Amino acid sequence: MTKAELVAAIAEKAGLTKVQAKDALEGFLETVTDTLKAGDDVRIVGFGTFLPVSRDAGTARNPRTGETVERPASKTARFRVGEGLKTALN
């Protein structure tokens, strides 16, 4: 599902215009991003949890050449599925 398809589905299910649904989705995404940047997690009961994760710097190996390279520290996000979503999928 693309972002445009998601916007259309939200608009249809919530009785909103596509513009309103797009604004709501973008607001949600921006809020989740800002919260993760601040180092906090976002919990949506019954759906799941978005978690910020820090990776330490380290060494990695290029599998093609075997050369060792330094990998810088970085931040990423993970998603942990909630019980409601897990039940709905099974």
PDB file of N, CA and C in Angstrom:
ATOM      1  N   MET A   1       0.850  -1.170   0.000  1.00  0.00           N
ATOM      2  CA  MET A   1       0.000   0.000   0.000  1.00  0.00           C
ATOM      3  C   MET A   1       0.899   1.237   0.000  1.00  0.00           C
ATOM      4  N   THR A   2       0.632   2.145  -0.892  1.00  0.00           N
ATOM      5  CA  THR A   2       1.396   3.387  -0.965  1.00  0.00           C
ATOM      6  C   THR A   2       0.783   4.431  -0.035  1.00  0.00           C
ATOM      7  N   LYS A   3       1.487   5.528   0.148  1.00  0.00           N
ATOM      8  CA  LYS A   3       0.977   6.598   0.993  1.00  0.00           C
ATOM      9  C   LYS A   3      -0.330   7.147   0.428  1.00  0.00           C
ATOM     10  N   ALA A   4      -0.415   7.294  -0.885  1.00  0.00           N
ATOM     11  CA  ALA A   4      -1.637   7.811  -1.511  1.00  0.00           C
ATOM     12  C   ALA A   4      -2.809   6.857  -1.282  1.00  0.00           C
ATOM     13  N   GLU A   5      -2.551   5.554  -1.374  1.00  0.00           N
ATOM     14  CA  GLU A   5      -3.604   4.571  -1.123  1.00  0.00           C
ATOM     15  C   GLU A   5      -4.032   4.587   0.338  1.00  0.00           C
ATOM     16  N   LEU A   6      -3.078   4.779   1.242  1.00  0.00           N
ATOM     17  CA  LEU A   6      -3.389   4.865   2.661  1.00  0.00           C
ATOM     18  C   LEU A   6      -4.233   6.103   2.951  1.00  0.00           C
ATOM     19  N   VAL A   7      -3.886   7.223   2.343  1.00  0.00           N
ATOM     20  CA  VAL A   7      -4.660   8.450   2.519  1.00  0.00           C
ATOM     21  C   VAL A   7      -6.093   8.241   2.040  1.00  0.00           C
ATOM     22  N   ALA A   8      -6.255   7.610   0.880  1.00  0.00           N
ATOM     23  CA  ALA A   8      -7.595   7.355   0.345  1.00  0.00           C
ATOM     24  C   ALA A   8      -8.389   6.438   1.277  1.00  0.00           C
ATOM     25  N   ALA A   9      -7.758   5.419   1.828  1.00  0.00           N
ATOM     26  CA  ALA A   9      -8.446   4.499   2.732  1.00  0.00           C
ATOM     27  C   ALA A   9      -8.847   5.199   4.025  1.00  0.00           C
ATOM     28  N   ILE A  10      -7.967   6.028   4.569  1.00  0.00           N
ATOM     29  CA  ILE A  10      -8.289   6.788   5.784  1.00  0.00           C
ATOM     30  C   ILE A  10      -9.451   7.727   5.524  1.00  0.00           C
ATOM     31  N   ALA A  11      -9.413   8.415   4.390  1.00  0.00           N
ATOM     32  CA  ALA A  11     -10.487   9.355   4.042  1.00  0.00           C
ATOM     33  C   ALA A  11     -11.824   8.633   3.955  1.00  0.00           C
ATOM     34  N   GLU A  12     -11.834   7.471   3.338  1.00  0.00           N
ATOM     35  CA  GLU A  12     -13.075   6.715   3.170  1.00  0.00           C
ATOM     36  C   GLU A  12     -13.604   6.197   4.516  1.00  0.00           C
ATOM     37  N   LYS A  13     -12.735   5.621   5.326  1.00  0.00           N
ATOM     38  CA  LYS A  13     -13.169   5.026   6.594  1.00  0.00           C
ATOM     39  C   LYS A  13     -13.546   6.069   7.633  1.00  0.00           C
ATOM     40  N   ALA A  14     -12.886   7.228   7.618  1.00  0.00           N
ATOM     41  CA  ALA A  14     -13.138   8.251   8.631  1.00  0.00           C
ATOM     42  C   ALA A  14     -14.129   9.311   8.166  1.00  0.00           C
ATOM     43  N   GLY A  15     -14.553   9.247   6.897  1.00  0.00           N
ATOM     44  CA  GLY A  15     -15.482  10.245   6.380  1.00  0.00           C
ATOM     45  C   GLY A  15     -14.844  11.615   6.234  1.00  0.00           C
ATOM     46  N   LEU A  16     -13.583  11.626   5.870  1.00  0.00           N
ATOM     47  CA  LEU A  16     -12.843  12.870   5.681  1.00  0.00           C
ATOM     48  C   LEU A  16     -12.566  13.081   4.199  1.00  0.00           C
ATOM     49  N   THR A  17     -12.166  14.303   3.867  1.00  0.00           N
ATOM     50  CA  THR A  17     -11.693  14.534   2.512  1.00  0.00           C
ATOM     51  C   THR A  17     -10.269  13.986   2.426  1.00  0.00           C
ATOM     52  N   LYS A  18      -9.789  13.802   1.227  1.00  0.00           N
ATOM     53  CA  LYS A  18      -8.423  13.298   1.064  1.00  0.00           C
ATOM     54  C   LYS A  18      -7.401  14.296   1.618  1.00  0.00           C
ATOM     55  N   VAL A  19      -7.693  15.582   1.484  1.00  0.00           N
ATOM     56  CA  VAL A  19      -6.780  16.605   1.999  1.00  0.00           C
ATOM     57  C   VAL A  19      -6.701  16.510   3.522  1.00  0.00           C
ATOM     58  N   GLN A  20      -7.864  16.351   4.177  1.00  0.00           N
ATOM     59  CA  GLN A  20      -7.876  16.222   5.629  1.00  0.00           C
ATOM     60  C   GLN A  20      -7.157  14.949   6.077  1.00  0.00           C
ATOM     61  N   ALA A  21      -7.396  13.850   5.371  1.00  0.00           N
ATOM     62  CA  ALA A  21      -6.742  12.582   5.708  1.00  0.00           C
ATOM     63  C   ALA A  21      -5.235  12.684   5.520  1.00  0.00           C
ATOM     64  N   LYS A  22      -4.803  13.362   4.444  1.00  0.00           N
ATOM     65  CA  LYS A  22      -3.369  13.534   4.199  1.00  0.00           C
ATOM     66  C   LYS A  22      -2.741  14.368   5.307  1.00  0.00           C
ATOM     67  N   ASP A  23      -3.410  15.446   5.722  1.00  0.00           N
ATOM     68  CA  ASP A  23      -2.903  16.284   6.805  1.00  0.00           C
ATOM     69  C   ASP A  23      -2.810  15.498   8.106  1.00  0.00           C
ATOM     70  N   ALA A  24      -3.812  14.669   8.378  1.00  0.00           N
ATOM     71  CA  ALA A  24      -3.808  13.861   9.603  1.00  0.00           C
ATOM     72  C   ALA A  24      -2.664  12.847   9.579  1.00  0.00           C
ATOM     73  N   LEU A  25      -2.481  12.176   8.453  1.00  0.00           N
ATOM     74  CA  LEU A  25      -1.406  11.195   8.335  1.00  0.00           C
ATOM     75  C   LEU A  25      -0.043  11.860   8.460  1.00  0.00           C
ATOM     76  N   GLU A  26       0.152  12.983   7.802  1.00  0.00           N
ATOM     77  CA  GLU A  26       1.436  13.689   7.889  1.00  0.00           C
ATOM     78  C   GLU A  26       1.697  14.186   9.301  1.00  0.00           C
ATOM     79  N   GLY A  27       0.639  14.623   9.991  1.00  0.00           N
ATOM     80  CA  GLY A  27       0.780  15.038  11.385  1.00  0.00           C
ATOM     81  C   GLY A  27       1.185  13.877  12.273  1.00  0.00           C
ATOM     82  N   PHE A  28       0.584  12.707  12.040  1.00  0.00           N
ATOM     83  CA  PHE A  28       0.932  11.509  12.784  1.00  0.00           C
ATOM     84  C   PHE A  28       2.390  11.136  12.559  1.00  0.00           C
ATOM     85  N   LEU A  29       2.804  11.094  11.297  1.00  0.00           N
ATOM     86  CA  LEU A  29       4.179  10.718  10.969  1.00  0.00           C
ATOM     87  C   LEU A  29       5.192  11.697  11.563  1.00  0.00           C
ATOM     88  N   GLU A  30       4.882  12.975  11.503  1.00  0.00           N
ATOM     89  CA  GLU A  30       5.781  14.001  12.047  1.00  0.00           C
ATOM     90  C   GLU A  30       5.893  13.864  13.561  1.00  0.00           C
ATOM     91  N   THR A  31       4.765  13.594  14.225  1.00  0.00           N
ATOM     92  CA  THR A  31       4.770  13.433  15.672  1.00  0.00           C
ATOM     93  C   THR A  31       5.567  12.205  16.085  1.00  0.00           C
ATOM     94  N   VAL A  32       5.391  11.093  15.391  1.00  0.00           N
ATOM     95  CA  VAL A  32       6.144   9.874  15.693  1.00  0.00           C
ATOM     96  C   VAL A  32       7.631  10.131  15.487  1.00  0.00           C
ATOM     97  N   THR A  33       7.999  10.782  14.391  1.00  0.00           N
ATOM     98  CA  THR A  33       9.405  11.081  14.104  1.00  0.00           C
ATOM     99  C   THR A  33      10.018  11.964  15.186  1.00  0.00           C
ATOM    100  N   ASP A  34       9.314  13.025  15.565  1.00  0.00           N
ATOM    101  CA  ASP A  34       9.836  13.936  16.589  1.00  0.00           C
ATOM    102  C   ASP A  34       9.992  13.232  17.935  1.00  0.00           C
ATOM    103  N   THR A  35       9.037  12.369  18.274  1.00  0.00           N
ATOM    104  CA  THR A  35       9.095  11.647  19.544  1.00  0.00           C
ATOM    105  C   THR A  35      10.273  10.678  19.565  1.00  0.00           C
ATOM    106  N   LEU A  36      10.489   9.966  18.453  1.00  0.00           N
ATOM    107  CA  LEU A  36      11.623   9.041  18.377  1.00  0.00           C
ATOM    108  C   LEU A  36      12.946   9.787  18.407  1.00  0.00           C
ATOM    109  N   LYS A  37      13.013  10.948  17.751  1.00  0.00           N
ATOM    110  CA  LYS A  37      14.238  11.763  17.785  1.00  0.00           C
ATOM    111  C   LYS A  37      14.574  12.181  19.206  1.00  0.00           C
ATOM    112  N   ALA A  38      13.536  12.433  20.011  1.00  0.00           N
ATOM    113  CA  ALA A  38      13.740  12.844  21.401  1.00  0.00           C
ATOM    114  C   ALA A  38      14.146  11.670  22.283  1.00  0.00           C
ATOM    115  N   GLY A  39      14.125  10.452  21.733  1.00  0.00           N
ATOM    116  CA  GLY A  39      14.537   9.284  22.491  1.00  0.00           C
ATOM    117  C   GLY A  39      13.406   8.573  23.215  1.00  0.00           C
ATOM    118  N   ASP A  40      12.172   8.975  22.953  1.00  0.00           N
ATOM    119  CA  ASP A  40      11.016   8.353  23.596  1.00  0.00           C
ATOM    120  C   ASP A  40      10.353   7.366  22.647  1.00  0.00           C
ATOM    121  N   ASP A  41       9.615   6.411  23.217  1.00  0.00           N
ATOM    122  CA  ASP A  41       8.905   5.463  22.372  1.00  0.00           C
ATOM    123  C   ASP A  41       7.458   5.915  22.190  1.00  0.00           C
ATOM    124  N   VAL A  42       6.807   5.391  21.150  1.00  0.00           N
ATOM    125  CA  VAL A  42       5.414   5.712  20.838  1.00  0.00           C
ATOM    126  C   VAL A  42       4.619   4.418  20.950  1.00  0.00           C
ATOM    127  N   ARG A  43       3.700   4.369  21.910  1.00  0.00           N
ATOM    128  CA  ARG A  43       2.905   3.172  22.144  1.00  0.00           C
ATOM    129  C   ARG A  43       1.471   3.408  21.718  1.00  0.00           C
ATOM    130  N   ILE A  44       0.996   2.554  20.841  1.00  0.00           N
ATOM    131  CA  ILE A  44      -0.399   2.602  20.408  1.00  0.00           C
ATOM    132  C   ILE A  44      -1.007   1.276  20.856  1.00  0.00           C
ATOM    133  N   VAL A  45      -1.792   1.329  21.919  1.00  0.00           N
ATOM    134  CA  VAL A  45      -2.347   0.126  22.525  1.00  0.00           C
ATOM    135  C   VAL A  45      -3.158  -0.651  21.490  1.00  0.00           C
ATOM    136  N   GLY A  46      -2.879  -1.939  21.398  1.00  0.00           N
ATOM    137  CA  GLY A  46      -3.571  -2.812  20.467  1.00  0.00           C
ATOM    138  C   GLY A  46      -2.952  -2.839  19.081  1.00  0.00           C
ATOM    139  N   PHE A  47      -2.027  -1.936  18.807  1.00  0.00           N
ATOM    140  CA  PHE A  47      -1.373  -1.889  17.495  1.00  0.00           C
ATOM    141  C   PHE A  47       0.098  -2.243  17.605  1.00  0.00           C
ATOM    142  N   GLY A  48       0.840  -1.466  18.406  1.00  0.00           N
ATOM    143  CA  GLY A  48       2.253  -1.746  18.568  1.00  0.00           C
ATOM    144  C   GLY A  48       3.007  -0.566  19.138  1.00  0.00           C
ATOM    145  N   THR A  49       4.326  -0.733  19.202  1.00  0.00           N
ATOM    146  CA  THR A  49       5.198   0.274  19.781  1.00  0.00           C
ATOM    147  C   THR A  49       6.355   0.578  18.837  1.00  0.00           C
ATOM    148  N   PHE A  50       6.583   1.860  18.591  1.00  0.00           N
ATOM    149  CA  PHE A  50       7.747   2.328  17.834  1.00  0.00           C
ATOM    150  C   PHE A  50       8.825   2.652  18.861  1.00  0.00           C
ATOM    151  N   LEU A  51      10.026   2.089  18.684  1.00  0.00           N
ATOM    152  CA  LEU A  51      11.107   2.256  19.648  1.00  0.00           C
ATOM    153  C   LEU A  51      12.338   2.860  18.981  1.00  0.00           C
ATOM    154  N   PRO A  52      12.955   3.881  19.616  1.00  0.00           N
ATOM    155  CA  PRO A  52      14.236   4.375  19.099  1.00  0.00           C
ATOM    156  C   PRO A  52      15.347   3.441  19.547  1.00  0.00           C
ATOM    157  N   VAL A  53      16.295   3.163  18.663  1.00  0.00           N
ATOM    158  CA  VAL A  53      17.392   2.249  18.977  1.00  0.00           C
ATOM    159  C   VAL A  53      18.707   2.915  18.577  1.00  0.00           C
ATOM    160  N   SER A  54      19.669   2.879  19.492  1.00  0.00           N
ATOM    161  CA  SER A  54      21.005   3.413  19.199  1.00  0.00           C
ATOM    162  C   SER A  54      21.940   2.249  18.912  1.00  0.00           C
ATOM    163  N   ARG A  55      22.732   2.392  17.873  1.00  0.00           N
ATOM    164  CA  ARG A  55      23.739   1.395  17.527  1.00  0.00           C
ATOM    165  C   ARG A  55      25.108   1.974  17.842  1.00  0.00           C
ATOM    166  N   ASP A  56      25.907   1.199  18.542  1.00  0.00           N
ATOM    167  CA  ASP A  56      27.268   1.638  18.855  1.00  0.00           C
ATOM    168  C   ASP A  56      28.143   1.558  17.609  1.00  0.00           C
ATOM    169  N   ALA A  57      29.207   2.350  17.632  1.00  0.00           N
ATOM    170  CA  ALA A  57      30.192   2.266  16.553  1.00  0.00           C
ATOM    171  C   ALA A  57      30.897   0.919  16.644  1.00  0.00           C
ATOM    172  N   GLY A  58      31.392   0.458  15.539  1.00  0.00           N
ATOM    173  CA  GLY A  58      32.079  -0.823  15.546  1.00  0.00           C
ATOM    174  C   GLY A  58      32.790  -1.064  14.241  1.00  0.00           C
ATOM    175  N   THR A  59      33.194  -2.304  14.032  1.00  0.00           N
ATOM    176  CA  THR A  59      33.846  -2.655  12.778  1.00  0.00           C
ATOM    177  C   THR A  59      32.945  -3.606  12.016  1.00  0.00           C
ATOM    178  N   ALA A  60      33.041  -3.538  10.721  1.00  0.00           N
ATOM    179  CA  ALA A  60      32.282  -4.419   9.836  1.00  0.00           C
ATOM    180  C   ALA A  60      33.235  -4.925   8.769  1.00  0.00           C
ATOM    181  N   ARG A  61      32.837  -5.956   8.096  1.00  0.00           N
ATOM    182  CA  ARG A  61      33.691  -6.530   7.067  1.00  0.00           C
ATOM    183  C   ARG A  61      32.935  -6.505   5.740  1.00  0.00           C
ATOM    184  N   ASN A  62      33.596  -6.000   4.717  1.00  0.00           N
ATOM    185  CA  ASN A  62      33.039  -6.020   3.370  1.00  0.00           C
ATOM    186  C   ASN A  62      33.100  -7.470   2.878  1.00  0.00           C
ATOM    187  N   PRO A  63      31.930  -8.099   2.633  1.00  0.00           N
ATOM    188  CA  PRO A  63      31.957  -9.511   2.258  1.00  0.00           C
ATOM    189  C   PRO A  63      32.599  -9.774   0.897  1.00  0.00           C
ATOM    190  N   ARG A  64      32.599  -8.790   0.037  1.00  0.00           N
ATOM    191  CA  ARG A  64      33.165  -8.969  -1.296  1.00  0.00           C
ATOM    192  C   ARG A  64      34.689  -8.930  -1.280  1.00  0.00           C
ATOM    193  N   THR A  65      35.246  -7.969  -0.520  1.00  0.00           N
ATOM    194  CA  THR A  65      36.707  -7.809  -0.521  1.00  0.00           C
ATOM    195  C   THR A  65      37.361  -8.338   0.749  1.00  0.00           C
ATOM    196  N   GLY A  66      36.568  -8.539   1.800  1.00  0.00           N
ATOM    197  CA  GLY A  66      37.130  -8.980   3.064  1.00  0.00           C
ATOM    198  C   GLY A  66      37.757  -7.849   3.863  1.00  0.00           C
ATOM    199  N   GLU A  67      37.699  -6.628   3.337  1.00  0.00           N
ATOM    200  CA  GLU A  67      38.285  -5.467   3.992  1.00  0.00           C
ATOM    201  C   GLU A  67      37.468  -5.091   5.240  1.00  0.00           C
ATOM    202  N   THR A  68      38.156  -4.744   6.310  1.00  0.00           N
ATOM    203  CA  THR A  68      37.507  -4.291   7.538  1.00  0.00           C
ATOM    204  C   THR A  68      37.307  -2.787   7.457  1.00  0.00           C
ATOM    205  N   VAL A  69      36.103  -2.341   7.794  1.00  0.00           N
ATOM    206  CA  VAL A  69      35.781  -0.917   7.770  1.00  0.00           C
ATOM    207  C   VAL A  69      35.161  -0.529   9.102  1.00  0.00           C
ATOM    208  N   GLU A  70      35.329   0.734   9.451  1.00  0.00           N
ATOM    209  CA  GLU A  70      34.729   1.254  10.674  1.00  0.00           C
ATOM    210  C   GLU A  70      33.287   1.672  10.386  1.00  0.00           C
ATOM    211  N   ARG A  71      32.376   1.242  11.255  1.00  0.00           N
ATOM    212  CA  ARG A  71      30.967   1.604  11.131  1.00  0.00           C
ATOM    213  C   ARG A  71      30.675   2.642  12.209  1.00  0.00           C
ATOM    214  N   PRO A  72      30.178   3.824  11.835  1.00  0.00           N
ATOM    215  CA  PRO A  72      29.912   4.872  12.824  1.00  0.00           C
ATOM    216  C   PRO A  72      28.677   4.538  13.663  1.00  0.00           C
ATOM    217  N   ALA A  73      28.569   5.157  14.821  1.00  0.00           N
ATOM    218  CA  ALA A  73      27.373   5.008  15.645  1.00  0.00           C
ATOM    219  C   ALA A  73      26.198   5.627  14.892  1.00  0.00           C
ATOM    220  N   SER A  74      25.019   5.050  15.077  1.00  0.00           N
ATOM    221  CA  SER A  74      23.844   5.576  14.390  1.00  0.00           C
ATOM    222  C   SER A  74      22.592   5.296  15.207  1.00  0.00           C
ATOM    223  N   LYS A  75      21.500   5.923  14.800  1.00  0.00           N
ATOM    224  CA  LYS A  75      20.202   5.716  15.438  1.00  0.00           C
ATOM    225  C   LYS A  75      19.240   5.184  14.394  1.00  0.00           C
ATOM    226  N   THR A  76      18.333   4.331  14.827  1.00  0.00           N
ATOM    227  CA  THR A  76      17.313   3.790  13.944  1.00  0.00           C
ATOM    228  C   THR A  76      16.046   3.579  14.763  1.00  0.00           C
ATOM    229  N   ALA A  77      15.025   3.035  14.153  1.00  0.00           N
ATOM    230  CA  ALA A  77      13.768   2.773  14.850  1.00  0.00           C
ATOM    231  C   ALA A  77      13.359   1.328  14.619  1.00  0.00           C
ATOM    232  N   ARG A  78      12.656   0.787  15.586  1.00  0.00           N
ATOM    233  CA  ARG A  78      12.107  -0.560  15.469  1.00  0.00           C
ATOM    234  C   ARG A  78      10.627  -0.496  15.801  1.00  0.00           C
ATOM    235  N   PHE A  79       9.903  -1.505  15.330  1.00  0.00           N
ATOM    236  CA  PHE A  79       8.481  -1.606  15.622  1.00  0.00           C
ATOM    237  C   PHE A  79       8.219  -2.952  16.268  1.00  0.00           C
ATOM    238  N   ARG A  80       7.555  -2.927  17.405  1.00  0.00           N
ATOM    239  CA  ARG A  80       7.182  -4.150  18.107  1.00  0.00           C
ATOM    240  C   ARG A  80       5.657  -4.285  17.998  1.00  0.00           C
ATOM    241  N   VAL A  81       5.203  -5.390  17.434  1.00  0.00           N
ATOM    242  CA  VAL A  81       3.783  -5.609  17.176  1.00  0.00           C
ATOM    243  C   VAL A  81       3.032  -5.814  18.489  1.00  0.00           C
ATOM    244  N   GLY A  82       1.847  -5.168  18.600  1.00  0.00           N
ATOM    245  CA  GLY A  82       1.001  -5.325  19.774  1.00  0.00           C
ATOM    246  C   GLY A  82       0.103  -6.548  19.654  1.00  0.00           C
ATOM    247  N   GLU A  83      -0.493  -6.939  20.764  1.00  0.00           N
ATOM    248  CA  GLU A  83      -1.340  -8.139  20.792  1.00  0.00           C
ATOM    249  C   GLU A  83      -2.540  -8.025  19.861  1.00  0.00           C
ATOM    250  N   GLY A  84      -3.176  -6.865  19.809  1.00  0.00           N
ATOM    251  CA  GLY A  84      -4.361  -6.705  18.954  1.00  0.00           C
ATOM    252  C   GLY A  84      -4.041  -6.933  17.485  1.00  0.00           C
ATOM    253  N   LEU A  85      -2.951  -6.366  17.023  1.00  0.00           N
ATOM    254  CA  LEU A  85      -2.547  -6.537  15.639  1.00  0.00           C
ATOM    255  C   LEU A  85      -2.110  -7.971  15.368  1.00  0.00           C
ATOM    256  N   LYS A  86      -1.368  -8.537  16.307  1.00  0.00           N
ATOM    257  CA  LYS A  86      -0.904  -9.920  16.148  1.00  0.00           C
ATOM    258  C   LYS A  86      -2.104 -10.870  16.053  1.00  0.00           C
ATOM    259  N   THR A  87      -3.110 -10.655  16.887  1.00  0.00           N
ATOM    260  CA  THR A  87      -4.309 -11.489  16.859  1.00  0.00           C
ATOM    261  C   THR A  87      -5.064 -11.321  15.554  1.00  0.00           C
ATOM    262  N   ALA A  88      -5.164 -10.092  15.069  1.00  0.00           N
ATOM    263  CA  ALA A  88      -5.884  -9.822  13.825  1.00  0.00           C
ATOM    264  C   ALA A  88      -5.207 -10.483  12.622  1.00  0.00           C
ATOM    265  N   LEU A  89      -3.890 -10.608  12.670  1.00  0.00           N
ATOM    266  CA  LEU A  89      -3.154 -11.191  11.564  1.00  0.00           C
ATOM    267  C   LEU A  89      -3.204 -12.715  11.555  1.00  0.00           C
ATOM    268  N   ASN A  90      -3.469 -13.305  12.699  1.00  0.00           N
ATOM    269  CA  ASN A  90      -3.468 -14.769  12.801  1.00  0.00           C
ATOM    270  C   ASN A  90      -4.835 -15.308  12.881  1.00  0.00           C
TER     271      ASN A  90
END
